[in-house]
C-alpha atoms as a PDB file:
ATOM      1  CA  MET A   1     149.012 -68.662-182.094  1.00  0.00           C
ATOM      2  CA  PRO A   2     148.508 -67.709-185.742  1.00  0.00           C
ATOM      3  CA  GLU A   3     151.628 -66.857-187.650  1.00  0.00           C
ATOM      4  CA  GLN A   4     152.165 -64.806-190.762  1.00  0.00           C
ATOM      5  CA  ASP A   5     154.464 -66.283-193.389  1.00  0.00           C
ATOM      6  CA  ILE A   6     155.078 -66.173-197.125  1.00  0.00           C
ATOM      7  CA  LEU A   7     154.788 -69.287-199.295  1.00  0.00           C
ATOM      8  CA  ILE A   8     156.531 -69.269-202.628  1.00  0.00           C
ATOM      9  CA  LYS A   9     155.917 -72.084-205.107  1.00  0.00           C
ATOM     10  CA  SER A  10     158.208 -72.060-208.118  1.00  0.00           C
ATOM     11  CA  ILE A  11     157.385 -73.805-211.386  1.00  0.00           C
ATOM     12  CA  GLU A  12     159.106 -73.834-214.743  1.00  0.00           C
ATOM     13  CA  THR A  13     156.925 -72.745-217.652  1.00  0.00           C
ATOM     14  CA  GLN A  14     157.059 -71.133-221.077  1.00  0.00           C
ATOM     15  CA  GLY A  15     154.194 -68.762-220.348  1.00  0.00           C
ATOM     16  CA  ILE A  16     151.304 -68.032-218.009  1.00  0.00           C
ATOM     17  CA  LEU A  17     147.738 -67.233-218.989  1.00  0.00           C
ATOM     18  CA  ILE A  18     145.765 -65.341-216.353  1.00  0.00           C
ATOM     19  CA  LYS A  19     141.991 -65.321-216.903  1.00  0.00           C
ATOM     20  CA  SER A  20     139.583 -62.816-215.511  1.00  0.00           C
ATOM     21  CA  GLU A  21     136.322 -64.699-215.154  1.00  0.00           C
ATOM     22  CA  LYS A  22     133.116 -63.869-213.322  1.00  0.00           C
ATOM     23  CA  VAL A  23     130.707 -66.319-211.725  1.00  0.00           C
ATOM     24  CA  TYR A  24     127.108 -65.200-211.276  1.00  0.00           C
ATOM     25  CA  THR A  25     124.656 -66.814-208.882  1.00  0.00           C
ATOM     26  CA  THR A  26     120.880 -66.479-208.745  1.00  0.00           C
ATOM     27  CA  VAL A  27     118.159 -67.163-206.217  1.00  0.00           C
ATOM     28  CA  GLY A  28     115.455 -67.761-208.838  1.00  0.00           C
ATOM     29  CA  GLY A  29     115.283 -70.464-211.449  1.00  0.00           C
ATOM     30  CA  ILE A  30     117.224 -70.794-214.690  1.00  0.00           C
ATOM     31  CA  ASP A  31     115.305 -71.420-217.909  1.00  0.00           C
ATOM     32  CA  GLY A  32     117.000 -73.443-220.608  1.00  0.00           C
ATOM     33  CA  ASN A  33     119.908 -75.869-220.469  1.00  0.00           C
ATOM     34  CA  ALA A  34     122.767 -73.935-218.909  1.00  0.00           C
ATOM     35  CA  GLN A  35     124.687 -77.115-218.016  1.00  0.00           C
ATOM     36  CA  LYS A  36     125.238 -77.825-221.703  1.00  0.00           C
ATOM     37  CA  LEU A  37     127.866 -75.068-221.919  1.00  0.00           C
ATOM     38  CA  GLU A  38     129.631 -75.811-218.649  1.00  0.00           C
ATOM     39  CA  GLY A  39     133.398 -75.715-219.126  1.00  0.00           C
ATOM     40  CA  LYS A  40     133.163 -74.503-222.718  1.00  0.00           C
ATOM     41  CA  ARG A  41     134.297 -71.148-224.050  1.00  0.00           C
ATOM     42  CA  VAL A  42     131.626 -68.757-225.257  1.00  0.00           C
ATOM     43  CA  PRO A  43     132.045 -65.399-227.003  1.00  0.00           C
ATOM     44  CA  VAL A  44     131.267 -62.105-225.306  1.00  0.00           C
ATOM     45  CA  GLY A  45     127.563 -61.298-225.382  1.00  0.00           C
ATOM     46  CA  TYR A  46     126.508 -64.927-225.962  1.00  0.00           C
ATOM     47  CA  LYS A  47     123.195 -65.758-224.250  1.00  0.00           C
ATOM     48  CA  VAL A  48     123.990 -68.596-221.867  1.00  0.00           C
ATOM     49  CA  ALA A  49     120.688 -68.867-219.956  1.00  0.00           C
ATOM     50  CA  ASN A  50     117.512 -67.024-218.997  1.00  0.00           C
ATOM     51  CA  VAL A  51     117.288 -66.214-215.302  1.00  0.00           C
ATOM     52  CA  SER A  52     113.858 -65.913-213.728  1.00  0.00           C
ATOM     53  CA  LEU A  53     113.809 -64.196-210.341  1.00  0.00           C
ATOM     54  CA  LEU A  54     110.123 -65.022-209.908  1.00  0.00           C
ATOM     55  CA  ARG A  55     109.485 -68.722-209.613  1.00  0.00           C
ATOM     56  CA  ASP A  56     105.696 -68.801-210.011  1.00  0.00           C
ATOM     57  CA  VAL A  57     104.079 -65.731-211.542  1.00  0.00           C
ATOM     58  CA  SER A  58     100.591 -67.200-212.086  1.00  0.00           C
ATOM     59  CA  GLY A  59      99.529 -66.205-208.564  1.00  0.00           C
ATOM     60  CA  LEU A  60     100.884 -62.710-209.128  1.00  0.00           C
ATOM     61  CA  LYS A  61      98.952 -62.398-212.393  1.00  0.00           C
ATOM     62  CA  GLU A  62      95.727 -63.343-210.612  1.00  0.00           C
ATOM     63  CA  GLU A  63      96.442 -60.866-207.813  1.00  0.00           C
ATOM     64  CA  LEU A  64      97.157 -58.119-210.355  1.00  0.00           C
ATOM     65  CA  LYS A  65      93.852 -58.865-212.115  1.00  0.00           C
ATOM     66  CA  GLU A  66      91.982 -58.634-208.790  1.00  0.00           C
ATOM     67  CA  ILE A  67      93.663 -55.306-208.010  1.00  0.00           C
ATOM     68  CA  GLU A  68      92.791 -53.925-211.455  1.00  0.00           C
ATOM     69  CA  ASP A  69      89.158 -55.046-211.021  1.00  0.00           C
ATOM     70  CA  THR A  70      89.006 -53.355-207.610  1.00  0.00           C
ATOM     71  CA  ILE A  71      90.436 -50.141-209.079  1.00  0.00           C
ATOM     72  CA  ASN A  72      87.806 -50.211-211.848  1.00  0.00           C
ATOM     73  CA  ILE A  73      84.981 -50.731-209.329  1.00  0.00           C
ATOM     74  CA  LEU A  74      86.253 -47.894-207.121  1.00  0.00           C
ATOM     75  CA  SER A  75      86.606 -45.514-210.045  1.00  0.00           C
ATOM     76  CA  LYS A  76      83.021 -46.293-211.122  1.00  0.00           C
ATOM     77  CA  SER A  77      81.767 -45.670-207.578  1.00  0.00           C
ATOM     78  CA  ASP A  78      83.613 -42.320-207.538  1.00  0.00           C
ATOM     79  CA  LYS A  79      81.751 -41.301-210.703  1.00  0.00           C
ATOM     80  CA  GLU A  80      78.451 -42.352-209.141  1.00  0.00           C
ATOM     81  CA  LEU A  81      79.241 -40.312-206.025  1.00  0.00           C
ATOM     82  CA  GLU A  82      79.831 -37.264-208.212  1.00  0.00           C
ATOM     83  CA  LEU A  83      76.389 -37.782-209.788  1.00  0.00           C
ATOM     84  CA  PHE A  84      74.784 -38.081-206.343  1.00  0.00           C
ATOM     85  CA  GLU A  85      76.542 -34.897-205.233  1.00  0.00           C
ATOM     86  CA  LYS A  86      75.118 -33.044-208.240  1.00  0.00           C
ATOM     87  CA  ASP A  87      71.645 -34.409-207.460  1.00  0.00           C
ATOM     88  CA  LYS A  88      72.039 -33.415-203.817  1.00  0.00           C
ATOM     89  CA  MET A  89      72.962 -29.857-204.821  1.00  0.00           C
ATOM     90  CA  LYS A  90      69.887 -29.657-207.089  1.00  0.00           C
ATOM     91  CA  VAL A  91      67.600 -30.865-204.290  1.00  0.00           C
ATOM     92  CA  GLN A  92      69.076 -28.311-201.868  1.00  0.00           C
ATOM     93  CA  GLU A  93      68.584 -25.513-204.403  1.00  0.00           C
ATOM     94  CA  SER A  94      64.979 -26.619-204.957  1.00  0.00           C
ATOM     95  CA  GLN A  95      64.347 -26.622-201.204  1.00  0.00           C
ATOM     96  CA  GLU A  96      65.838 -23.151-200.840  1.00  0.00           C
ATOM     97  CA  ASN A  97      63.729 -21.857-203.720  1.00  0.00           C
ATOM     98  CA  LEU A  98      60.595 -23.421-202.219  1.00  0.00           C
ATOM     99  CA  VAL A  99      61.303 -21.842-198.834  1.00  0.00           C
ATOM    100  CA  LYS A 100      61.812 -18.436-200.455  1.00  0.00           C
ATOM    101  CA  THR A 101      58.572 -18.806-202.409  1.00  0.00           C
ATOM    102  CA  LEU A 102      56.624 -19.745-199.275  1.00  0.00           C
ATOM    103  CA  GLN A 103      58.150 -16.850-197.322  1.00  0.00           C
ATOM    104  CA  GLU A 104      57.229 -14.374-200.055  1.00  0.00           C
ATOM    105  CA  LYS A 105      53.592 -15.544-200.051  1.00  0.00           C
ATOM    106  CA  ASN A 106      53.206 -14.921-196.336  1.00  0.00           C
END
């Protein structure tokens, strides 16, 4: 059975320094030589390393280019459809006018 107890360890000292440190972990890669500073003190705001959350972005750049090209093609086809719609309206108006003209002659 687990037991609850208190452990007290006494030491003699002139003073105690308590540090508040943070350790950060990352899933991506680290650019630069972060190991060089391991165990050394650095001032606040000092750039220790660059963290890259994306390991290989070349594939993403290619995919983005393909998406942009597709968007450009689709936007051009939308403009062409608008032109065809205008032409279609003109043809319908011409047909209606022709029918009216033929009806008036009879």
